[in-house]
Amino acid sequence: MQQTRWQLEKLYTIDDVKVGIATIQEALIKRPSTLTEQVERYQQVARDVEEWSDFIYCLYAEDVTRSEVHPLLEEIEVVQATVRSLAAELDTQIAVVSQEDWETFVADSPYAFFLNERRDVSRIVHRLFKNNCYKTSVLTDSKAGDNSTNSALWHYVSSWMENKSRLVKGYTKRCLRLTA
């Protein structure tokens, strides 16, 4: 039986992927001076990471034995972790902006929905920590202690945000477009 290939190389080459990852890594090194610049950088980097990771996962799914794809999988995982850390920094910054300044900031922002959603979740997490609700969470690991619990709760909320975002953006549709 003949295997059908998706012909993904018509979209990008392995070298294109390497350049794309390097470009993201360069963008992550830059430190924006304003919150607006930070939001714009995060949006750009998150979009690029999602596009390249989708493509790399499709390359891997097409042929799991392709040795040049394995390092790309590792690299994109590291970049994704860095972007999650960047998101946590952004969440911390937007959570402390006064309501009046916040309303002015998001009034003309094309990212208002995204920013309001991130701020709402940040405030919920802050309230959970402030009221010690995390201690009774199902995420509590009695062997690991509070720090592990805090990290687990934050990871849970971040994962929830990421999954919700992927649903809104039509993650599956994009992957189907890549393979069509």
N, C-alpha and C. Protein backbone atom coordinates (compact mmCIF):
# COMPACT_ATOMS: atom_id res chain seq x y z
N MET A 1 0.84 -1.18 0.00
CA MET A 1 0.00 0.00 0.00
C MET A 1 0.89 1.24 0.00
N GLN A 2 0.59 2.17 -0.87
CA GLN A 2 1.37 3.40 -0.98
C GLN A 2 0.89 4.41 0.05
N GLN A 3 1.86 5.04 0.73
CA GLN A 3 1.52 6.06 1.73
C GLN A 3 1.32 7.41 1.04
N THR A 4 0.35 8.14 1.50
CA THR A 4 0.09 9.48 0.98
C THR A 4 0.79 10.48 1.89
N ARG A 5 1.57 11.36 1.29
CA ARG A 5 2.23 12.42 2.06
C ARG A 5 1.43 13.70 1.89
N TRP A 6 1.50 14.54 2.89
CA TRP A 6 0.74 15.78 2.87
C TRP A 6 1.41 16.87 2.04
N GLN A 7 2.66 16.69 1.69
CA GLN A 7 3.42 17.67 0.92
C GLN A 7 3.54 19.01 1.65
N LEU A 8 3.89 18.91 2.91
CA LEU A 8 4.00 20.10 3.75
C LEU A 8 5.16 20.99 3.31
N GLU A 9 6.15 20.42 2.66
CA GLU A 9 7.30 21.21 2.22
C GLU A 9 6.91 22.25 1.17
N LYS A 10 5.73 22.13 0.61
CA LYS A 10 5.25 23.18 -0.31
C LYS A 10 4.94 24.46 0.46
N LEU A 11 4.65 24.32 1.74
CA LEU A 11 4.39 25.49 2.58
C LEU A 11 5.68 26.09 3.11
N TYR A 12 6.48 25.26 3.77
CA TYR A 12 7.74 25.70 4.38
C TYR A 12 8.75 24.57 4.27
N THR A 13 10.02 24.94 4.21
CA THR A 13 11.09 23.95 4.27
C THR A 13 11.56 23.83 5.73
N ILE A 14 12.38 22.84 6.00
CA ILE A 14 12.97 22.69 7.34
C ILE A 14 13.79 23.94 7.67
N ASP A 15 14.49 24.48 6.68
CA ASP A 15 15.27 25.70 6.91
C ASP A 15 14.37 26.89 7.27
N ASP A 16 13.20 26.97 6.63
CA ASP A 16 12.24 28.03 6.97
C ASP A 16 11.82 27.92 8.43
N VAL A 17 11.60 26.69 8.88
CA VAL A 17 11.18 26.46 10.27
C VAL A 17 12.30 26.91 11.22
N LYS A 18 13.53 26.55 10.90
CA LYS A 18 14.66 26.94 11.74
C LYS A 18 14.79 28.46 11.82
N VAL A 19 14.63 29.13 10.69
CA VAL A 19 14.69 30.59 10.67
C VAL A 19 13.52 31.18 11.47
N GLY A 20 12.34 30.59 11.34
CA GLY A 20 11.18 31.05 12.10
C GLY A 20 11.40 30.94 13.60
N ILE A 21 11.94 29.83 14.04
CA ILE A 21 12.21 29.64 15.47
C ILE A 21 13.28 30.63 15.94
N ALA A 22 14.31 30.83 15.14
CA ALA A 22 15.37 31.79 15.50
C ALA A 22 14.82 33.21 15.60
N THR A 23 13.91 33.57 14.72
CA THR A 23 13.28 34.89 14.75
C THR A 23 12.48 35.07 16.04
N ILE A 24 11.76 34.03 16.43
CA ILE A 24 10.99 34.09 17.68
C ILE A 24 11.93 34.25 18.87
N GLN A 25 13.02 33.48 18.87
CA GLN A 25 13.97 33.56 19.97
C GLN A 25 14.58 34.95 20.08
N GLU A 26 14.88 35.59 18.93
CA GLU A 26 15.39 36.96 18.94
C GLU A 26 14.36 37.92 19.52
N ALA A 27 13.10 37.74 19.14
CA ALA A 27 12.03 38.61 19.64
C ALA A 27 11.86 38.46 21.15
N LEU A 28 12.09 37.25 21.66
CA LEU A 28 11.94 37.01 23.09
C LEU A 28 13.04 37.66 23.91
N ILE A 29 14.18 37.91 23.30
CA ILE A 29 15.30 38.53 24.01
C ILE A 29 15.04 40.01 24.24
N LYS A 30 14.37 40.65 23.30
CA LYS A 30 14.10 42.09 23.40
C LYS A 30 13.17 42.37 24.58
N ARG A 31 13.44 43.43 25.30
CA ARG A 31 12.62 43.82 26.44
C ARG A 31 11.90 45.13 26.13
N PRO A 32 10.62 45.08 25.82
CA PRO A 32 9.87 46.31 25.53
C PRO A 32 9.83 47.22 26.76
N SER A 33 9.78 48.51 26.49
CA SER A 33 9.80 49.46 27.61
C SER A 33 8.41 49.82 28.12
N THR A 34 7.38 49.64 27.30
CA THR A 34 6.03 50.00 27.73
C THR A 34 5.14 48.76 27.73
N LEU A 35 4.04 48.87 28.44
CA LEU A 35 3.08 47.77 28.49
C LEU A 35 2.48 47.53 27.11
N THR A 36 2.23 48.58 26.36
CA THR A 36 1.69 48.44 25.01
C THR A 36 2.65 47.66 24.13
N GLU A 37 3.93 47.99 24.19
CA GLU A 37 4.94 47.26 23.41
C GLU A 37 5.03 45.81 23.85
N GLN A 38 4.90 45.59 25.15
CA GLN A 38 4.97 44.22 25.67
C GLN A 38 3.79 43.40 25.16
N VAL A 39 2.60 43.98 25.15
CA VAL A 39 1.41 43.28 24.65
C VAL A 39 1.57 42.96 23.17
N GLU A 40 2.03 43.95 22.41
CA GLU A 40 2.21 43.73 20.97
C GLU A 40 3.25 42.64 20.70
N ARG A 41 4.34 42.65 21.44
CA ARG A 41 5.36 41.62 21.28
C ARG A 41 4.79 40.25 21.64
N TYR A 42 4.07 40.19 22.76
CA TYR A 42 3.49 38.91 23.17
C TYR A 42 2.54 38.38 22.10
N GLN A 43 1.68 39.22 21.57
CA GLN A 43 0.73 38.79 20.54
C GLN A 43 1.45 38.25 19.32
N GLN A 44 2.46 38.96 18.86
CA GLN A 44 3.23 38.55 17.69
C GLN A 44 3.93 37.21 17.94
N VAL A 45 4.63 37.13 19.05
CA VAL A 45 5.39 35.92 19.36
C VAL A 45 4.46 34.73 19.58
N ALA A 46 3.38 34.93 20.30
CA ALA A 46 2.44 33.82 20.56
C ALA A 46 1.84 33.31 19.26
N ARG A 47 1.50 34.23 18.36
CA ARG A 47 0.95 33.81 17.06
C ARG A 47 1.98 33.02 16.26
N ASP A 48 3.22 33.51 16.22
CA ASP A 48 4.27 32.82 15.48
C ASP A 48 4.58 31.46 16.08
N VAL A 49 4.65 31.39 17.39
CA VAL A 49 4.92 30.11 18.06
C VAL A 49 3.82 29.10 17.73
N GLU A 50 2.59 29.55 17.77
CA GLU A 50 1.50 28.63 17.49
C GLU A 50 1.56 28.13 16.04
N GLU A 51 1.84 29.04 15.11
CA GLU A 51 1.92 28.64 13.71
C GLU A 51 3.06 27.64 13.48
N TRP A 52 4.25 27.95 13.99
CA TRP A 52 5.38 27.05 13.78
C TRP A 52 5.19 25.73 14.51
N SER A 53 4.66 25.76 15.72
CA SER A 53 4.46 24.50 16.44
C SER A 53 3.43 23.64 15.73
N ASP A 54 2.36 24.24 15.23
CA ASP A 54 1.37 23.47 14.46
C ASP A 54 2.03 22.80 13.26
N PHE A 55 2.85 23.56 12.55
CA PHE A 55 3.52 23.02 11.37
C PHE A 55 4.48 21.89 11.75
N ILE A 56 5.26 22.10 12.81
CA ILE A 56 6.21 21.08 13.24
C ILE A 56 5.49 19.81 13.67
N TYR A 57 4.38 19.94 14.40
CA TYR A 57 3.61 18.77 14.82
C TYR A 57 3.04 18.04 13.60
N CYS A 58 2.63 18.79 12.59
CA CYS A 58 2.15 18.15 11.36
C CYS A 58 3.28 17.42 10.65
N LEU A 59 4.48 18.03 10.61
CA LEU A 59 5.63 17.34 10.02
C LEU A 59 5.90 16.03 10.75
N TYR A 60 5.84 16.07 12.05
CA TYR A 60 6.09 14.88 12.85
C TYR A 60 5.01 13.83 12.61
N ALA A 61 3.76 14.28 12.55
CA ALA A 61 2.65 13.33 12.33
C ALA A 61 2.75 12.70 10.94
N GLU A 62 3.25 13.44 9.99
CA GLU A 62 3.39 12.93 8.63
C GLU A 62 4.39 11.77 8.58
N ASP A 63 5.49 11.91 9.33
CA ASP A 63 6.51 10.86 9.33
C ASP A 63 7.29 10.93 10.64
N VAL A 64 6.95 10.09 11.58
CA VAL A 64 7.57 10.12 12.90
C VAL A 64 9.03 9.69 12.89
N THR A 65 9.48 9.14 11.79
CA THR A 65 10.88 8.69 11.71
C THR A 65 11.82 9.75 11.15
N ARG A 66 11.30 10.90 10.73
CA ARG A 66 12.16 11.96 10.19
C ARG A 66 13.03 12.55 11.28
N SER A 67 14.31 12.27 11.20
CA SER A 67 15.23 12.67 12.27
C SER A 67 15.40 14.18 12.39
N GLU A 68 15.24 14.93 11.29
CA GLU A 68 15.43 16.38 11.38
C GLU A 68 14.27 17.09 12.06
N VAL A 69 13.17 16.40 12.28
CA VAL A 69 12.02 17.02 12.93
C VAL A 69 12.14 16.95 14.46
N HIS A 70 12.79 15.93 14.98
CA HIS A 70 12.89 15.74 16.43
C HIS A 70 13.54 16.93 17.15
N PRO A 71 14.68 17.46 16.66
CA PRO A 71 15.24 18.64 17.34
C PRO A 71 14.32 19.86 17.25
N LEU A 72 13.57 19.96 16.17
CA LEU A 72 12.62 21.07 16.04
C LEU A 72 11.52 20.97 17.08
N LEU A 73 11.07 19.75 17.34
CA LEU A 73 10.06 19.54 18.38
C LEU A 73 10.59 20.01 19.74
N GLU A 74 11.83 19.65 20.03
CA GLU A 74 12.44 20.06 21.30
C GLU A 74 12.58 21.58 21.38
N GLU A 75 13.07 22.17 20.29
CA GLU A 75 13.25 23.63 20.27
C GLU A 75 11.94 24.37 20.46
N ILE A 76 10.90 23.94 19.78
CA ILE A 76 9.63 24.66 19.87
C ILE A 76 9.01 24.48 21.26
N GLU A 77 9.26 23.35 21.91
CA GLU A 77 8.78 23.16 23.29
C GLU A 77 9.45 24.14 24.24
N VAL A 78 10.74 24.36 24.06
CA VAL A 78 11.47 25.33 24.90
C VAL A 78 10.93 26.74 24.65
N VAL A 79 10.71 27.07 23.38
CA VAL A 79 10.17 28.39 23.04
C VAL A 79 8.77 28.56 23.63
N GLN A 80 7.95 27.51 23.56
CA GLN A 80 6.60 27.58 24.14
C GLN A 80 6.66 27.83 25.64
N ALA A 81 7.59 27.20 26.32
CA ALA A 81 7.74 27.41 27.77
C ALA A 81 8.14 28.86 28.05
N THR A 82 9.02 29.40 27.23
CA THR A 82 9.43 30.80 27.39
C THR A 82 8.25 31.74 27.18
N VAL A 83 7.42 31.43 26.20
CA VAL A 83 6.24 32.26 25.93
C VAL A 83 5.25 32.17 27.09
N ARG A 84 5.09 31.00 27.68
CA ARG A 84 4.22 30.88 28.86
C ARG A 84 4.75 31.73 30.01
N SER A 85 6.06 31.76 30.16
CA SER A 85 6.67 32.59 31.19
C SER A 85 6.43 34.08 30.89
N LEU A 86 6.54 34.44 29.63
CA LEU A 86 6.27 35.80 29.20
C LEU A 86 4.81 36.17 29.49
N ALA A 87 3.91 35.23 29.27
CA ALA A 87 2.49 35.46 29.56
C ALA A 87 2.27 35.70 31.05
N ALA A 88 2.98 34.94 31.88
CA ALA A 88 2.85 35.12 33.32
C ALA A 88 3.35 36.50 33.75
N GLU A 89 4.45 36.96 33.14
CA GLU A 89 4.95 38.32 33.43
C GLU A 89 3.93 39.37 33.02
N LEU A 90 3.36 39.19 31.85
CA LEU A 90 2.35 40.12 31.36
C LEU A 90 1.14 40.14 32.29
N ASP A 91 0.69 38.96 32.71
CA ASP A 91 -0.45 38.87 33.62
C ASP A 91 -0.18 39.60 34.92
N THR A 92 1.03 39.47 35.43
CA THR A 92 1.40 40.15 36.67
C THR A 92 1.33 41.66 36.50
N GLN A 93 1.82 42.13 35.36
CA GLN A 93 1.81 43.58 35.12
C GLN A 93 0.40 44.13 34.93
N ILE A 94 -0.44 43.42 34.18
CA ILE A 94 -1.78 43.97 33.93
C ILE A 94 -2.69 43.85 35.14
N ALA A 95 -2.37 42.95 36.04
CA ALA A 95 -3.21 42.77 37.23
C ALA A 95 -3.10 43.95 38.19
N VAL A 96 -1.98 44.67 38.16
CA VAL A 96 -1.76 45.75 39.14
C VAL A 96 -2.10 47.14 38.60
N VAL A 97 -2.52 47.23 37.35
CA VAL A 97 -2.89 48.53 36.78
C VAL A 97 -4.23 48.97 37.40
N SER A 98 -4.31 50.23 37.80
CA SER A 98 -5.55 50.74 38.40
C SER A 98 -6.69 50.65 37.38
N GLN A 99 -7.91 50.57 37.87
CA GLN A 99 -9.07 50.42 36.99
C GLN A 99 -9.19 51.59 36.02
N GLU A 100 -8.95 52.80 36.50
CA GLU A 100 -9.03 53.98 35.64
C GLU A 100 -7.98 53.93 34.52
N ASP A 101 -6.74 53.63 34.89
CA ASP A 101 -5.68 53.51 33.89
C ASP A 101 -5.95 52.35 32.93
N TRP A 102 -6.52 51.29 33.47
CA TRP A 102 -6.83 50.12 32.64
C TRP A 102 -7.86 50.47 31.55
N GLU A 103 -8.91 51.14 31.96
CA GLU A 103 -9.95 51.51 31.00
C GLU A 103 -9.39 52.40 29.89
N THR A 104 -8.51 53.30 30.25
CA THR A 104 -7.86 54.16 29.25
C THR A 104 -6.97 53.32 28.33
N PHE A 105 -6.24 52.39 28.93
CA PHE A 105 -5.31 51.56 28.17
C PHE A 105 -6.02 50.69 27.14
N VAL A 106 -7.12 50.05 27.52
CA VAL A 106 -7.80 49.12 26.60
C VAL A 106 -8.81 49.81 25.70
N ALA A 107 -9.11 51.08 25.95
CA ALA A 107 -10.14 51.78 25.16
C ALA A 107 -9.88 51.71 23.66
N ASP A 108 -8.67 51.94 23.24
CA ASP A 108 -8.35 51.95 21.81
C ASP A 108 -7.50 50.76 21.39
N SER A 109 -7.35 49.81 22.26
CA SER A 109 -6.47 48.69 21.96
C SER A 109 -7.17 47.63 21.10
N PRO A 110 -6.51 47.18 20.05
CA PRO A 110 -7.08 46.08 19.26
C PRO A 110 -7.06 44.76 20.04
N TYR A 111 -6.35 44.77 21.16
CA TYR A 111 -6.22 43.57 21.99
C TYR A 111 -7.09 43.62 23.23
N ALA A 112 -8.11 44.48 23.24
CA ALA A 112 -8.93 44.70 24.44
C ALA A 112 -9.54 43.41 24.97
N PHE A 113 -10.13 42.60 24.10
CA PHE A 113 -10.75 41.36 24.57
C PHE A 113 -9.72 40.46 25.23
N PHE A 114 -8.60 40.25 24.55
CA PHE A 114 -7.52 39.42 25.08
C PHE A 114 -7.04 39.95 26.42
N LEU A 115 -6.80 41.26 26.50
CA LEU A 115 -6.28 41.86 27.73
C LEU A 115 -7.27 41.76 28.88
N ASN A 116 -8.54 42.03 28.61
CA ASN A 116 -9.55 41.92 29.67
C ASN A 116 -9.67 40.49 30.18
N GLU A 117 -9.60 39.53 29.27
CA GLU A 117 -9.68 38.13 29.69
C GLU A 117 -8.48 37.75 30.55
N ARG A 118 -7.28 38.14 30.14
CA ARG A 118 -6.07 37.84 30.92
C ARG A 118 -6.14 38.50 32.29
N ARG A 119 -6.61 39.74 32.33
CA ARG A 119 -6.69 40.47 33.60
C ARG A 119 -7.70 39.81 34.53
N ASP A 120 -8.84 39.39 34.01
CA ASP A 120 -9.85 38.72 34.84
C ASP A 120 -9.30 37.44 35.45
N VAL A 121 -8.63 36.64 34.67
CA VAL A 121 -8.07 35.39 35.20
C VAL A 121 -6.98 35.68 36.22
N SER A 122 -6.15 36.68 35.95
CA SER A 122 -5.09 37.05 36.90
C SER A 122 -5.68 37.46 38.24
N ARG A 123 -6.76 38.20 38.18
CA ARG A 123 -7.41 38.63 39.43
C ARG A 123 -8.02 37.45 40.19
N ILE A 124 -8.59 36.50 39.46
CA ILE A 124 -9.15 35.32 40.10
C ILE A 124 -8.04 34.54 40.81
N VAL A 125 -6.94 34.33 40.12
CA VAL A 125 -5.82 33.61 40.71
C VAL A 125 -5.29 34.37 41.93
N HIS A 126 -5.17 35.68 41.81
CA HIS A 126 -4.70 36.48 42.93
C HIS A 126 -5.61 36.32 44.14
N ARG A 127 -6.93 36.35 43.90
CA ARG A 127 -7.88 36.17 45.01
C ARG A 127 -7.75 34.79 45.64
N LEU A 128 -7.54 33.77 44.81
CA LEU A 128 -7.37 32.42 45.35
C LEU A 128 -6.15 32.35 46.27
N PHE A 129 -5.06 32.94 45.83
CA PHE A 129 -3.85 32.94 46.66
C PHE A 129 -4.04 33.78 47.92
N LYS A 130 -4.66 34.93 47.74
CA LYS A 130 -4.87 35.84 48.86
C LYS A 130 -5.74 35.20 49.94
N ASN A 131 -6.77 34.49 49.53
CA ASN A 131 -7.69 33.86 50.48
C ASN A 131 -7.30 32.44 50.84
N ASN A 132 -6.12 32.03 50.44
CA ASN A 132 -5.60 30.69 50.74
C ASN A 132 -6.49 29.57 50.23
N CYS A 133 -7.26 29.84 49.18
CA CYS A 133 -8.13 28.82 48.62
C CYS A 133 -7.32 27.70 47.98
N TYR A 134 -6.12 28.00 47.55
CA TYR A 134 -5.30 26.99 46.89
C TYR A 134 -4.96 25.84 47.81
N LYS A 135 -4.99 26.06 49.14
CA LYS A 135 -4.62 25.00 50.07
C LYS A 135 -5.64 23.86 50.07
N THR A 136 -6.87 24.17 49.72
CA THR A 136 -7.90 23.13 49.69
C THR A 136 -8.19 22.66 48.27
N SER A 137 -7.39 23.14 47.34
CA SER A 137 -7.60 22.78 45.94
C SER A 137 -7.34 21.31 45.70
N VAL A 138 -8.02 20.77 44.69
CA VAL A 138 -7.77 19.38 44.31
C VAL A 138 -6.37 19.21 43.76
N LEU A 139 -5.70 20.31 43.49
CA LEU A 139 -4.35 20.25 42.95
C LEU A 139 -3.31 20.07 44.04
N THR A 140 -3.72 20.13 45.31
CA THR A 140 -2.77 20.05 46.40
C THR A 140 -2.07 18.70 46.42
N ASP A 141 -0.77 18.74 46.53
CA ASP A 141 0.05 17.55 46.66
C ASP A 141 0.69 17.62 48.03
N SER A 142 0.20 16.84 48.98
CA SER A 142 0.65 16.94 50.36
C SER A 142 2.14 16.65 50.51
N LYS A 143 2.73 15.90 49.62
CA LYS A 143 4.16 15.59 49.70
C LYS A 143 5.01 16.75 49.21
N ALA A 144 4.49 17.52 48.25
CA ALA A 144 5.29 18.55 47.61
C ALA A 144 5.26 19.89 48.33
N GLY A 145 4.21 20.18 49.07
CA GLY A 145 4.14 21.45 49.79
C GLY A 145 3.48 22.56 49.00
N ASP A 146 3.41 23.75 49.63
CA ASP A 146 2.67 24.88 49.06
C ASP A 146 3.24 25.38 47.74
N ASN A 147 4.56 25.45 47.60
CA ASN A 147 5.13 26.00 46.36
C ASN A 147 4.70 25.18 45.16
N SER A 148 4.68 23.87 45.32
CA SER A 148 4.25 23.01 44.23
C SER A 148 2.77 23.25 43.94
N THR A 149 1.99 23.45 44.99
CA THR A 149 0.57 23.70 44.82
C THR A 149 0.33 25.00 44.08
N ASN A 150 1.06 26.06 44.47
CA ASN A 150 0.92 27.34 43.78
C ASN A 150 1.26 27.19 42.30
N SER A 151 2.35 26.52 42.02
CA SER A 151 2.76 26.31 40.63
C SER A 151 1.73 25.48 39.88
N ALA A 152 1.21 24.46 40.54
CA ALA A 152 0.22 23.60 39.90
C ALA A 152 -1.05 24.39 39.58
N LEU A 153 -1.48 25.22 40.51
CA LEU A 153 -2.68 26.02 40.28
C LEU A 153 -2.44 27.01 39.14
N TRP A 154 -1.29 27.69 39.18
CA TRP A 154 -1.01 28.64 38.11
C TRP A 154 -0.91 27.92 36.77
N HIS A 155 -0.27 26.75 36.74
CA HIS A 155 -0.17 25.96 35.51
C HIS A 155 -1.57 25.56 35.01
N TYR A 156 -2.43 25.18 35.94
CA TYR A 156 -3.80 24.79 35.58
C TYR A 156 -4.53 25.96 34.92
N VAL A 157 -4.46 27.12 35.55
CA VAL A 157 -5.16 28.29 35.02
C VAL A 157 -4.55 28.70 33.68
N SER A 158 -3.22 28.68 33.57
CA SER A 158 -2.56 29.02 32.31
C SER A 158 -2.96 28.05 31.21
N SER A 159 -3.00 26.77 31.54
CA SER A 159 -3.40 25.76 30.56
C SER A 159 -4.84 25.97 30.13
N TRP A 160 -5.68 26.31 31.09
CA TRP A 160 -7.09 26.58 30.78
C TRP A 160 -7.19 27.73 29.79
N MET A 161 -6.42 28.80 30.05
CA MET A 161 -6.42 29.96 29.16
C MET A 161 -5.92 29.57 27.77
N GLU A 162 -4.86 28.80 27.74
CA GLU A 162 -4.29 28.39 26.46
C GLU A 162 -5.27 27.53 25.68
N ASN A 163 -5.92 26.59 26.34
CA ASN A 163 -6.88 25.73 25.66
C ASN A 163 -8.08 26.53 25.18
N LYS A 164 -8.55 27.44 26.00
CA LYS A 164 -9.69 28.27 25.61
C LYS A 164 -9.31 29.11 24.39
N SER A 165 -8.11 29.65 24.40
CA SER A 165 -7.64 30.46 23.29
C SER A 165 -7.56 29.64 22.02
N ARG A 166 -7.09 28.43 22.12
CA ARG A 166 -7.00 27.57 20.93
C ARG A 166 -8.37 27.25 20.37
N LEU A 167 -9.35 27.06 21.23
CA LEU A 167 -10.69 26.80 20.74
C LEU A 167 -11.24 28.00 20.00
N VAL A 168 -11.04 29.19 20.58
CA VAL A 168 -11.55 30.41 19.97
C VAL A 168 -10.90 30.65 18.62
N LYS A 169 -9.63 30.35 18.49
CA LYS A 169 -8.90 30.61 17.26
C LYS A 169 -9.13 29.55 16.20
N GLY A 170 -9.79 28.49 16.55
CA GLY A 170 -10.05 27.45 15.55
C GLY A 170 -8.83 26.62 15.24
N TYR A 171 -8.19 26.12 16.29
CA TYR A 171 -6.97 25.34 16.17
C TYR A 171 -7.11 24.20 15.16
N THR A 172 -8.21 23.48 15.24
CA THR A 172 -8.37 22.33 14.35
C THR A 172 -8.52 22.74 12.90
N LYS A 173 -9.23 23.82 12.67
CA LYS A 173 -9.41 24.30 11.29
C LYS A 173 -8.08 24.62 10.65
N ARG A 174 -7.20 25.25 11.42
CA ARG A 174 -5.91 25.62 10.89
C ARG A 174 -5.10 24.39 10.54
N CYS A 175 -5.12 23.39 11.39
CA CYS A 175 -4.36 22.16 11.12
C CYS A 175 -4.93 21.47 9.88
N LEU A 176 -6.22 21.50 9.74
CA LEU A 176 -6.83 20.89 8.56
C LEU A 176 -6.45 21.65 7.30
N ARG A 177 -6.34 22.99 7.41
CA ARG A 177 -5.91 23.77 6.25
C ARG A 177 -4.50 23.42 5.85
N LEU A 178 -3.63 23.18 6.84
CA LEU A 178 -2.24 22.81 6.54
C LEU A 178 -2.16 21.50 5.79
N THR A 179 -3.08 20.58 6.10
CA THR A 179 -2.99 19.25 5.51
C THR A 179 -3.83 19.10 4.25
N ALA A 180 -4.64 20.09 3.93
CA ALA A 180 -5.52 19.97 2.75
C ALA A 180 -4.74 20.14 1.46
